[in-house]
Amino acid sequence: MLGSPGIFWLAVPWHGGSRTGIGARRISSMYTESAAWYDRLHRNKNYAAESQRIVGHVRRLRPNARTLLDVACGTGGHLQHLRTEFTCEGVDVEGGLLEVARPRLPDVPLTQADMTDFDLGRRFDVVTCLYSAIGYVRTVDRMRAALRCMARHLEPGGVLIVEPWIQPDSVVDVEDRWVDGSSAVVVIEDDDLKLVRVRVFRSYGSMSELTMHYVAARDGEIVSGTERHRVAMFTREEFFAAAEAAGLAARWCCDGLTGRGLLIGVRTAEPSADRELPTAPGTHTSV
């Protein structure tokens, strides 16, 4: 993932066209090299407070919960705090983000896998999927597959918590940042890195697109690159239908962690076309 940290040019498609440049190369991973900067770009995110809210939801629904799986765990910002309450594991499709997470979480097993199709061979009291990562599956069918996959890793009575992306009928969140055509700038001025990220947000029906252009000065060089993130905006009805198919009794928490809401489900039945997994070590099955 990191390759040469901070030195890259990423060419990405734009509605059938492409951008190219000197030394341009196409990659499919969203964070192949910008993963090295991820924590700096998100340094104002309050992972500790969000994790405490997660713990509160879990304790109300499953007081004796001991094990937790964080799907799309990224660089481990939430796991760093959740591991003080639970025996944790993490899954993410982005190997680069996991490489950043591993030194921070030496005692937490981390697995590179797609959230729509993974099998850890064990079940957990809690499964989370936070920071709107579910939107990256892009289609309703893949979202349903992801929820089924997460649900099958839950103990009976276990709790699934999914933080959605913004709703397609609003295209504005509580921070007023997600108006179609809006833009934002993040500036990092650390001793070892000067970095500017410009982000433009566009929406197309139920799909949103975030184009992020980076310019960085590091190790005596100025480099730049572009990432384009396509993130689906699923409706509550789509989430509820997927939860029901996954054997979950679900409700919606409007405030959520960042104003985007939370889908909170309790496993009450076996997901469709599924098989049982063994219990993760330390799991209590009482609710």
C-alpha atoms as a PDB file:
ATOM      1  CA  MET A   1       0.000   0.000   0.000  1.00  0.00           C
ATOM      2  CA  LEU A   2       2.517   2.563   1.056  1.00  0.00           C
ATOM      3  CA  GLY A   3       5.107   1.915  -1.624  1.00  0.00           C
ATOM      4  CA  SER A   4       6.917   5.245  -1.558  1.00  0.00           C
ATOM      5  CA  PRO A   5       4.908   7.038   1.159  1.00  0.00           C
ATOM      6  CA  GLY A   6       3.485  10.311  -0.032  1.00  0.00           C
ATOM      7  CA  ILE A   7       4.904  10.130  -3.575  1.00  0.00           C
ATOM      8  CA  PHE A   8       2.341   9.183  -6.185  1.00  0.00           C
ATOM      9  CA  TRP A   9       0.304  10.188  -9.188  1.00  0.00           C
ATOM     10  CA  LEU A  10      -2.993   8.412  -9.476  1.00  0.00           C
ATOM     11  CA  ALA A  11      -4.898   8.398 -12.769  1.00  0.00           C
ATOM     12  CA  VAL A  12      -8.619   7.701 -12.391  1.00  0.00           C
ATOM     13  CA  PRO A  13     -11.562   7.350 -14.777  1.00  0.00           C
ATOM     14  CA  TRP A  14     -14.145  10.103 -15.163  1.00  0.00           C
ATOM     15  CA  HIS A  15     -17.456   8.981 -16.702  1.00  0.00           C
ATOM     16  CA  GLY A  16     -15.782   6.851 -19.345  1.00  0.00           C
ATOM     17  CA  GLY A  17     -12.782   9.092 -19.873  1.00  0.00           C
ATOM     18  CA  SER A  18      -9.484   9.116 -18.014  1.00  0.00           C
ATOM     19  CA  ARG A  19      -6.838  11.401 -16.680  1.00  0.00           C
ATOM     20  CA  THR A  20      -3.244  10.703 -17.485  1.00  0.00           C
ATOM     21  CA  GLY A  21       0.032  12.326 -16.670  1.00  0.00           C
ATOM     22  CA  ILE A  22       3.753  11.723 -16.670  1.00  0.00           C
ATOM     23  CA  GLY A  23       4.291   8.479 -14.812  1.00  0.00           C
ATOM     24  CA  ALA A  24       0.527   8.019 -14.405  1.00  0.00           C
ATOM     25  CA  ARG A  25      -0.725   4.598 -13.347  1.00  0.00           C
ATOM     26  CA  ARG A  26      -4.150   3.113 -12.692  1.00  0.00           C
ATOM     27  CA  ILE A  27      -4.891   1.413  -9.390  1.00  0.00           C
ATOM     28  CA  SER A  28      -8.139   0.019  -8.037  1.00  0.00           C
ATOM     29  CA  SER A  29      -7.461   0.517  -4.331  1.00  0.00           C
ATOM     30  CA  MET A  30      -8.899   3.699  -2.850  1.00  0.00           C
ATOM     31  CA  TYR A  31      -6.086   4.252  -0.353  1.00  0.00           C
ATOM     32  CA  THR A  32      -3.102   2.590  -2.005  1.00  0.00           C
ATOM     33  CA  GLU A  33      -0.712   5.372  -1.032  1.00  0.00           C
ATOM     34  CA  SER A  34      -2.716   8.131   0.655  1.00  0.00           C
ATOM     35  CA  ALA A  35      -3.243   5.680   3.540  1.00  0.00           C
ATOM     36  CA  ALA A  36       0.000   7.036   4.973  1.00  0.00           C
ATOM     37  CA  TRP A  37      -1.774  10.371   5.467  1.00  0.00           C
ATOM     38  CA  TYR A  38      -5.185   9.068   6.532  1.00  0.00           C
ATOM     39  CA  ASP A  39      -4.834   9.708  10.262  1.00  0.00           C
ATOM     40  CA  ARG A  40      -3.466  13.199   9.739  1.00  0.00           C
ATOM     41  CA  LEU A  41      -6.349  14.110   7.438  1.00  0.00           C
ATOM     42  CA  HIS A  42      -8.868  12.823   9.994  1.00  0.00           C
ATOM     43  CA  ARG A  43      -7.103  13.956  13.142  1.00  0.00           C
ATOM     44  CA  ASN A  44     -10.119  15.970  14.303  1.00  0.00           C
ATOM     45  CA  LYS A  45     -12.423  12.948  14.312  1.00  0.00           C
ATOM     46  CA  ASN A  46     -13.362  12.077  17.899  1.00  0.00           C
ATOM     47  CA  TYR A  47     -12.903   8.322  17.836  1.00  0.00           C
ATOM     48  CA  ALA A  48     -12.948   8.123  21.637  1.00  0.00           C
ATOM     49  CA  ALA A  49     -16.370   9.752  22.011  1.00  0.00           C
ATOM     50  CA  GLU A  50     -17.836   7.752  19.127  1.00  0.00           C
ATOM     51  CA  SER A  51     -16.518   4.525  20.624  1.00  0.00           C
ATOM     52  CA  GLN A  52     -18.151   5.330  23.956  1.00  0.00           C
ATOM     53  CA  ARG A  53     -21.479   5.793  22.184  1.00  0.00           C
ATOM     54  CA  ILE A  54     -21.018   2.413  20.532  1.00  0.00           C
ATOM     55  CA  VAL A  55     -20.303   0.850  23.918  1.00  0.00           C
ATOM     56  CA  GLY A  56     -23.464   2.442  25.313  1.00  0.00           C
ATOM     57  CA  HIS A  57     -25.638   0.979  22.553  1.00  0.00           C
ATOM     58  CA  VAL A  58     -24.064  -2.449  23.012  1.00  0.00           C
ATOM     59  CA  ARG A  59     -24.413  -2.512  26.807  1.00  0.00           C
ATOM     60  CA  ARG A  60     -28.104  -1.667  26.589  1.00  0.00           C
ATOM     61  CA  LEU A  61     -28.767  -4.526  24.183  1.00  0.00           C
ATOM     62  CA  ARG A  62     -26.187  -7.107  25.281  1.00  0.00           C
ATOM     63  CA  PRO A  63     -24.750  -6.217  28.687  1.00  0.00           C
ATOM     64  CA  ASN A  64     -22.347  -9.163  28.841  1.00  0.00           C
ATOM     65  CA  ALA A  65     -20.842  -8.662  25.389  1.00  0.00           C
ATOM     66  CA  ARG A  66     -17.139  -9.480  25.334  1.00  0.00           C
ATOM     67  CA  THR A  67     -16.063  -9.884  21.714  1.00  0.00           C
ATOM     68  CA  LEU A  68     -16.268  -7.380  18.862  1.00  0.00           C
ATOM     69  CA  LEU A  69     -15.452  -7.443  15.165  1.00  0.00           C
ATOM     70  CA  ASP A  70     -14.969  -4.109  13.400  1.00  0.00           C
ATOM     71  CA  VAL A  71     -15.598  -4.456   9.655  1.00  0.00           C
ATOM     72  CA  ALA A  72     -13.883  -1.835   7.482  1.00  0.00           C
ATOM     73  CA  CYS A  73     -11.735  -0.986  10.494  1.00  0.00           C
ATOM     74  CA  GLY A  74      -9.371   1.234   8.490  1.00  0.00           C
ATOM     75  CA  THR A  75      -6.366   2.405  10.471  1.00  0.00           C
ATOM     76  CA  GLY A  76      -7.959   1.240  13.723  1.00  0.00           C
ATOM     77  CA  GLY A  77      -9.169   4.560  15.104  1.00  0.00           C
ATOM     78  CA  HIS A  78     -12.257   3.031  16.724  1.00  0.00           C
ATOM     79  CA  LEU A  79     -10.601  -0.263  17.629  1.00  0.00           C
ATOM     80  CA  GLN A  80      -7.959   1.610  19.595  1.00  0.00           C
ATOM     81  CA  HIS A  81     -10.701   2.577  22.052  1.00  0.00           C
ATOM     82  CA  LEU A  82     -13.112  -0.345  21.709  1.00  0.00           C
ATOM     83  CA  ARG A  83     -10.406  -2.833  22.687  1.00  0.00           C
ATOM     84  CA  THR A  84     -10.512  -1.438  26.228  1.00  0.00           C
ATOM     85  CA  GLU A  85     -14.066  -2.822  26.490  1.00  0.00           C
ATOM     86  CA  PHE A  86     -13.988  -5.883  24.238  1.00  0.00           C
ATOM     87  CA  THR A  87     -11.703  -8.538  22.815  1.00  0.00           C
ATOM     88  CA  CYS A  88     -11.487  -7.167  19.294  1.00  0.00           C
ATOM     89  CA  GLU A  89     -10.678  -8.142  15.731  1.00  0.00           C
ATOM     90  CA  GLY A  90     -10.704  -6.083  12.562  1.00  0.00           C
ATOM     91  CA  VAL A  91     -11.360  -6.598   8.854  1.00  0.00           C
ATOM     92  CA  ASP A  92     -10.641  -4.233   5.971  1.00  0.00           C
ATOM     93  CA  VAL A  93     -10.275  -4.625   2.225  1.00  0.00           C
ATOM     94  CA  GLU A  94      -7.532  -1.966   2.096  1.00  0.00           C
ATOM     95  CA  GLY A  95      -4.194  -3.523   2.933  1.00  0.00           C
ATOM     96  CA  GLY A  96      -2.588  -0.102   3.150  1.00  0.00           C
ATOM     97  CA  LEU A  97      -4.881   1.017   5.946  1.00  0.00           C
ATOM     98  CA  LEU A  98      -4.228  -2.229   7.834  1.00  0.00           C
ATOM     99  CA  GLU A  99      -0.482  -1.636   7.576  1.00  0.00           C
ATOM    100  CA  VAL A 100      -1.016   1.669   9.366  1.00  0.00           C
ATOM    101  CA  ALA A 101      -3.243  -0.022  11.961  1.00  0.00           C
ATOM    102  CA  ARG A 102      -0.982  -2.940  12.886  1.00  0.00           C
ATOM    103  CA  PRO A 103       1.699  -1.033  14.861  1.00  0.00           C
ATOM    104  CA  ARG A 104      -1.089   0.717  16.782  1.00  0.00           C
ATOM    105  CA  LEU A 105      -2.949  -2.529  17.522  1.00  0.00           C
ATOM    106  CA  PRO A 106      -0.302  -5.238  18.016  1.00  0.00           C
ATOM    107  CA  ASP A 107      -2.686  -7.374  20.079  1.00  0.00           C
ATOM    108  CA  VAL A 108      -5.654  -7.143  17.671  1.00  0.00           C
ATOM    109  CA  PRO A 109      -5.965  -9.680  14.815  1.00  0.00           C
ATOM    110  CA  LEU A 110      -6.477  -7.821  11.531  1.00  0.00           C
ATOM    111  CA  THR A 111      -7.622  -9.546   8.345  1.00  0.00           C
ATOM    112  CA  GLN A 112      -7.676  -8.188   4.799  1.00  0.00           C
ATOM    113  CA  ALA A 113     -11.014  -9.146   3.243  1.00  0.00           C
ATOM    114  CA  ASP A 114     -14.037  -7.827   1.362  1.00  0.00           C
ATOM    115  CA  MET A 115     -16.966  -7.056   3.681  1.00  0.00           C
ATOM    116  CA  THR A 116     -19.393  -8.729   1.275  1.00  0.00           C
ATOM    117  CA  ASP A 117     -17.641 -12.097   1.353  1.00  0.00           C
ATOM    118  CA  PHE A 118     -15.443 -13.053   4.283  1.00  0.00           C
ATOM    119  CA  ASP A 119     -15.408 -15.941   6.743  1.00  0.00           C
ATOM    120  CA  LEU A 120     -13.345 -15.722   9.911  1.00  0.00           C
ATOM    121  CA  GLY A 121     -14.678 -19.050  11.130  1.00  0.00           C
ATOM    122  CA  ARG A 122     -16.022 -17.694  14.422  1.00  0.00           C
ATOM    123  CA  ARG A 123     -18.797 -15.546  15.845  1.00  0.00           C
ATOM    124  CA  PHE A 124     -18.812 -12.383  17.954  1.00  0.00           C
ATOM    125  CA  ASP A 125     -21.084 -10.618  20.408  1.00  0.00           C
ATOM    126  CA  VAL A 126     -20.818  -7.395  18.412  1.00  0.00           C
ATOM    127  CA  VAL A 127     -20.057  -6.532  14.797  1.00  0.00           C
ATOM    128  CA  THR A 128     -19.584  -2.903  13.755  1.00  0.00           C
ATOM    129  CA  CYS A 129     -19.161  -1.192  10.387  1.00  0.00           C
ATOM    130  CA  LEU A 130     -18.512   2.500  10.952  1.00  0.00           C
ATOM    131  CA  TYR A 131     -17.523   5.779   9.294  1.00  0.00           C
ATOM    132  CA  SER A 132     -19.961   5.178   6.404  1.00  0.00           C
ATOM    133  CA  ALA A 133     -17.797   2.402   4.956  1.00  0.00           C
ATOM    134  CA  ILE A 134     -20.915   0.459   3.947  1.00  0.00           C
ATOM    135  CA  GLY A 135     -21.438   2.966   1.109  1.00  0.00           C
ATOM    136  CA  TYR A 136     -18.345   1.660  -0.675  1.00  0.00           C
ATOM    137  CA  VAL A 137     -20.140  -1.569  -1.627  1.00  0.00           C
ATOM    138  CA  ARG A 138     -22.049   0.680  -4.099  1.00  0.00           C
ATOM    139  CA  THR A 139     -25.058  -1.549  -4.924  1.00  0.00           C
ATOM    140  CA  VAL A 140     -28.077  -2.728  -2.945  1.00  0.00           C
ATOM    141  CA  ASP A 141     -27.262  -6.360  -3.717  1.00  0.00           C
ATOM    142  CA  ARG A 142     -23.739  -5.979  -2.341  1.00  0.00           C
ATOM    143  CA  MET A 143     -25.040  -4.104   0.691  1.00  0.00           C
ATOM    144  CA  ARG A 144     -27.433  -6.974   1.393  1.00  0.00           C
ATOM    145  CA  ALA A 145     -24.553  -9.432   0.982  1.00  0.00           C
ATOM    146  CA  ALA A 146     -22.425  -7.407   3.402  1.00  0.00           C
ATOM    147  CA  LEU A 147     -25.141  -7.366   6.073  1.00  0.00           C
ATOM    148  CA  ARG A 148     -25.682 -11.116   5.654  1.00  0.00           C
ATOM    149  CA  CYS A 149     -21.955 -11.706   5.986  1.00  0.00           C
ATOM    150  CA  MET A 150     -21.735  -9.566   9.122  1.00  0.00           C
ATOM    151  CA  ALA A 151     -24.847 -11.146  10.636  1.00  0.00           C
ATOM    152  CA  ARG A 152     -23.506 -14.651  10.173  1.00  0.00           C
ATOM    153  CA  HIS A 153     -20.513 -13.643  12.304  1.00  0.00           C
ATOM    154  CA  LEU A 154     -22.847 -12.715  15.174  1.00  0.00           C
ATOM    155  CA  GLU A 155     -23.811 -14.870  18.109  1.00  0.00           C
ATOM    156  CA  PRO A 156     -27.584 -15.361  18.506  1.00  0.00           C
ATOM    157  CA  GLY A 157     -28.680 -12.170  20.221  1.00  0.00           C
ATOM    158  CA  GLY A 158     -25.525 -10.425  19.040  1.00  0.00           C
ATOM    159  CA  VAL A 159     -25.560  -6.765  18.015  1.00  0.00           C
ATOM    160  CA  LEU A 160     -24.769  -5.311  14.591  1.00  0.00           C
ATOM    161  CA  ILE A 161     -24.106  -1.556  14.339  1.00  0.00           C
ATOM    162  CA  VAL A 162     -23.723  -0.002  10.881  1.00  0.00           C
ATOM    163  CA  GLU A 163     -23.080   3.691  10.290  1.00  0.00           C
ATOM    164  CA  PRO A 164     -24.548   4.647   6.893  1.00  0.00           C
ATOM    165  CA  TRP A 165     -23.471   7.274   4.420  1.00  0.00           C
ATOM    166  CA  ILE A 166     -25.837  10.222   3.881  1.00  0.00           C
ATOM    167  CA  GLN A 167     -29.393   9.631   2.682  1.00  0.00           C
ATOM    168  CA  PRO A 168     -30.145  10.114  -1.038  1.00  0.00           C
ATOM    169  CA  ASP A 169     -33.228  12.241  -0.362  1.00  0.00           C
ATOM    170  CA  SER A 170     -31.289  14.817   1.627  1.00  0.00           C
ATOM    171  CA  VAL A 171     -27.846  15.205   0.028  1.00  0.00           C
ATOM    172  CA  VAL A 172     -27.100  17.418   3.022  1.00  0.00           C
ATOM    173  CA  ASP A 173     -25.960  16.219   6.427  1.00  0.00           C
ATOM    174  CA  VAL A 174     -26.128  18.094   9.716  1.00  0.00           C
ATOM    175  CA  GLU A 175     -22.791  19.728   8.993  1.00  0.00           C
ATOM    176  CA  ASP A 176     -24.032  21.143   5.662  1.00  0.00           C
ATOM    177  CA  ARG A 177     -21.001  19.727   3.894  1.00  0.00           C
ATOM    178  CA  TRP A 178     -22.685  17.458   1.389  1.00  0.00           C
ATOM    179  CA  VAL A 179     -24.515  19.779  -0.965  1.00  0.00           C
ATOM    180  CA  ASP A 180     -24.126  18.715  -4.601  1.00  0.00           C
ATOM    181  CA  GLY A 181     -21.135  20.559  -6.044  1.00  0.00           C
ATOM    182  CA  SER A 182     -19.765  21.592  -2.654  1.00  0.00           C
ATOM    183  CA  SER A 183     -16.051  21.612  -1.941  1.00  0.00           C
ATOM    184  CA  ALA A 184     -13.749  21.640   1.051  1.00  0.00           C
ATOM    185  CA  VAL A 185     -10.044  22.015   1.779  1.00  0.00           C
ATOM    186  CA  VAL A 186      -7.886  20.362   4.427  1.00  0.00           C
ATOM    187  CA  VAL A 187      -4.418  21.751   5.118  1.00  0.00           C
ATOM    188  CA  ILE A 188      -1.786  19.834   7.092  1.00  0.00           C
ATOM    189  CA  GLU A 189       1.319  21.723   8.165  1.00  0.00           C
ATOM    190  CA  ASP A 190       3.421  19.333  10.210  1.00  0.00           C
ATOM    191  CA  ASP A 191       7.192  19.486  10.532  1.00  0.00           C
ATOM    192  CA  ASP A 192       7.679  16.456   8.284  1.00  0.00           C
ATOM    193  CA  LEU A 193       4.791  16.979   5.864  1.00  0.00           C
ATOM    194  CA  LYS A 194       2.988  19.835   4.154  1.00  0.00           C
ATOM    195  CA  LEU A 195      -0.226  18.569   2.574  1.00  0.00           C
ATOM    196  CA  VAL A 196      -3.305  20.106   0.962  1.00  0.00           C
ATOM    197  CA  ARG A 197      -6.382  18.066   0.055  1.00  0.00           C
ATOM    198  CA  VAL A 198      -9.171  19.617  -2.020  1.00  0.00           C
ATOM    199  CA  ARG A 199     -12.427  17.662  -2.092  1.00  0.00           C
ATOM    200  CA  VAL A 200     -15.416  18.117  -4.415  1.00  0.00           C
ATOM    201  CA  PHE A 201     -18.710  16.333  -3.738  1.00  0.00           C
ATOM    202  CA  ARG A 202     -21.190  15.394  -6.469  1.00  0.00           C
ATOM    203  CA  SER A 203     -24.380  13.334  -6.313  1.00  0.00           C
ATOM    204  CA  TYR A 204     -26.012  11.302  -9.090  1.00  0.00           C
ATOM    205  CA  GLY A 205     -29.299   9.790  -7.926  1.00  0.00           C
ATOM    206  CA  SER A 206     -28.401   7.252  -5.261  1.00  0.00           C
ATOM    207  CA  MET A 207     -24.658   7.486  -5.947  1.00  0.00           C
ATOM    208  CA  SER A 208     -22.252  10.109  -4.677  1.00  0.00           C
ATOM    209  CA  GLU A 209     -18.758  10.843  -5.848  1.00  0.00           C
ATOM    210  CA  LEU A 210     -15.971  12.462  -3.875  1.00  0.00           C
ATOM    211  CA  THR A 211     -13.015  13.638  -5.925  1.00  0.00           C
ATOM    212  CA  MET A 212      -9.977  14.332  -3.772  1.00  0.00           C
ATOM    213  CA  HIS A 213      -6.846  15.985  -5.109  1.00  0.00           C
ATOM    214  CA  TYR A 214      -3.681  16.042  -3.014  1.00  0.00           C
ATOM    215  CA  VAL A 215      -0.576  18.198  -3.219  1.00  0.00           C
ATOM    216  CA  ALA A 216       2.214  17.392  -0.790  1.00  0.00           C
ATOM    217  CA  ALA A 217       5.725  18.545  -0.003  1.00  0.00           C
ATOM    218  CA  ARG A 218       7.841  15.884   1.616  1.00  0.00           C
ATOM    219  CA  ASP A 219      11.492  14.847   1.554  1.00  0.00           C
ATOM    220  CA  GLY A 220      12.375  17.745  -0.705  1.00  0.00           C
ATOM    221  CA  GLU A 221       9.803  16.944  -3.383  1.00  0.00           C
ATOM    222  CA  ILE A 222       6.392  18.301  -4.400  1.00  0.00           C
ATOM    223  CA  VAL A 223       4.023  15.566  -5.535  1.00  0.00           C
ATOM    224  CA  SER A 224       0.330  15.364  -6.363  1.00  0.00           C
ATOM    225  CA  GLY A 225      -2.377  12.817  -6.972  1.00  0.00           C
ATOM    226  CA  THR A 226      -6.112  12.297  -7.275  1.00  0.00           C
ATOM    227  CA  GLU A 227      -8.508   9.763  -5.797  1.00  0.00           C
ATOM    228  CA  ARG A 228     -12.123   9.393  -6.808  1.00  0.00           C
ATOM    229  CA  HIS A 229     -14.411   7.666  -4.289  1.00  0.00           C
ATOM    230  CA  ARG A 230     -17.851   6.465  -5.417  1.00  0.00           C
ATOM    231  CA  VAL A 231     -20.090   5.920  -2.392  1.00  0.00           C
ATOM    232  CA  ALA A 232     -23.694   4.713  -2.511  1.00  0.00           C
ATOM    233  CA  MET A 233     -26.435   6.518  -0.598  1.00  0.00           C
ATOM    234  CA  PHE A 234     -28.758   3.757   0.616  1.00  0.00           C
ATOM    235  CA  THR A 235     -32.202   4.514   2.036  1.00  0.00           C
ATOM    236  CA  ARG A 236     -33.448   3.443   5.445  1.00  0.00           C
ATOM    237  CA  GLU A 237     -35.951   1.161   3.722  1.00  0.00           C
ATOM    238  CA  GLU A 238     -33.144  -0.579   1.848  1.00  0.00           C
ATOM    239  CA  PHE A 239     -31.217  -1.047   5.081  1.00  0.00           C
ATOM    240  CA  PHE A 240     -34.244  -2.417   6.934  1.00  0.00           C
ATOM    241  CA  ALA A 241     -35.022  -4.871   4.131  1.00  0.00           C
ATOM    242  CA  ALA A 242     -31.404  -6.048   4.122  1.00  0.00           C
ATOM    243  CA  ALA A 243     -31.413  -6.400   7.903  1.00  0.00           C
ATOM    244  CA  GLU A 244     -34.577  -8.497   7.859  1.00  0.00           C
ATOM    245  CA  ALA A 245     -33.108 -10.794   5.201  1.00  0.00           C
ATOM    246  CA  ALA A 246     -30.007 -11.145   7.372  1.00  0.00           C
ATOM    247  CA  GLY A 247     -32.074 -12.317  10.350  1.00  0.00           C
ATOM    248  CA  LEU A 248     -31.824  -9.072  12.304  1.00  0.00           C
ATOM    249  CA  ALA A 249     -34.424  -7.161  14.286  1.00  0.00           C
ATOM    250  CA  ALA A 250     -33.362  -3.615  13.410  1.00  0.00           C
ATOM    251  CA  ARG A 251     -34.030  -0.070  14.498  1.00  0.00           C
ATOM    252  CA  TRP A 252     -32.681   3.294  13.413  1.00  0.00           C
ATOM    253  CA  CYS A 253     -30.842   5.716  15.688  1.00  0.00           C
ATOM    254  CA  CYS A 254     -31.324   9.130  14.070  1.00  0.00           C
ATOM    255  CA  ASP A 255     -28.432  10.974  15.696  1.00  0.00           C
ATOM    256  CA  GLY A 256     -25.923   8.188  15.255  1.00  0.00           C
ATOM    257  CA  LEU A 257     -22.287   9.106  15.752  1.00  0.00           C
ATOM    258  CA  THR A 258     -21.889  12.002  13.316  1.00  0.00           C
ATOM    259  CA  GLY A 259     -25.451  12.909  12.377  1.00  0.00           C
ATOM    260  CA  ARG A 260     -25.803  10.260   9.665  1.00  0.00           C
ATOM    261  CA  GLY A 261     -27.769   7.817  11.798  1.00  0.00           C
ATOM    262  CA  LEU A 262     -27.068   4.234  12.813  1.00  0.00           C
ATOM    263  CA  LEU A 263     -28.640   0.947  11.825  1.00  0.00           C
ATOM    264  CA  ILE A 264     -28.702  -1.187  14.967  1.00  0.00           C
ATOM    265  CA  GLY A 265     -29.751  -4.805  14.628  1.00  0.00           C
ATOM    266  CA  VAL A 266     -29.981  -7.791  16.947  1.00  0.00           C
ATOM    267  CA  ARG A 267     -29.590 -11.253  15.477  1.00  0.00           C
ATOM    268  CA  THR A 268     -32.842 -13.095  16.038  1.00  0.00           C
ATOM    269  CA  ALA A 269     -32.677 -15.652  13.220  1.00  0.00           C
ATOM    270  CA  GLU A 270     -30.224 -17.407  10.963  1.00  0.00           C
ATOM    271  CA  PRO A 271     -29.297 -15.375   7.847  1.00  0.00           C
ATOM    272  CA  SER A 272     -30.684 -16.876   4.669  1.00  0.00           C
ATOM    273  CA  ALA A 273     -28.610 -19.603   2.970  1.00  0.00           C
ATOM    274  CA  ASP A 274     -26.148 -19.638   5.859  1.00  0.00           C
ATOM    275  CA  ARG A 275     -24.348 -22.019   8.162  1.00  0.00           C
ATOM    276  CA  GLU A 276     -23.331 -21.796  11.797  1.00  0.00           C
ATOM    277  CA  LEU A 277     -19.896 -20.588  12.876  1.00  0.00           C
ATOM    278  CA  PRO A 278     -18.149 -21.531  16.124  1.00  0.00           C
ATOM    279  CA  THR A 279     -18.120 -19.127  19.025  1.00  0.00           C
ATOM    280  CA  ALA A 280     -15.163 -16.758  19.346  1.00  0.00           C
ATOM    281  CA  PRO A 281     -13.084 -17.326  22.501  1.00  0.00           C
ATOM    282  CA  GLY A 282     -14.488 -15.477  25.496  1.00  0.00           C
ATOM    283  CA  THR A 283     -17.961 -14.954  24.026  1.00  0.00           C
ATOM    284  CA  HIS A 284     -20.959 -15.031  26.358  1.00  0.00           C
ATOM    285  CA  THR A 285     -24.157 -15.987  24.600  1.00  0.00           C
ATOM    286  CA  SER A 286     -26.529 -14.657  27.275  1.00  0.00           C
ATOM    287  CA  VAL A 287     -28.261 -11.368  26.434  1.00  0.00           C
END
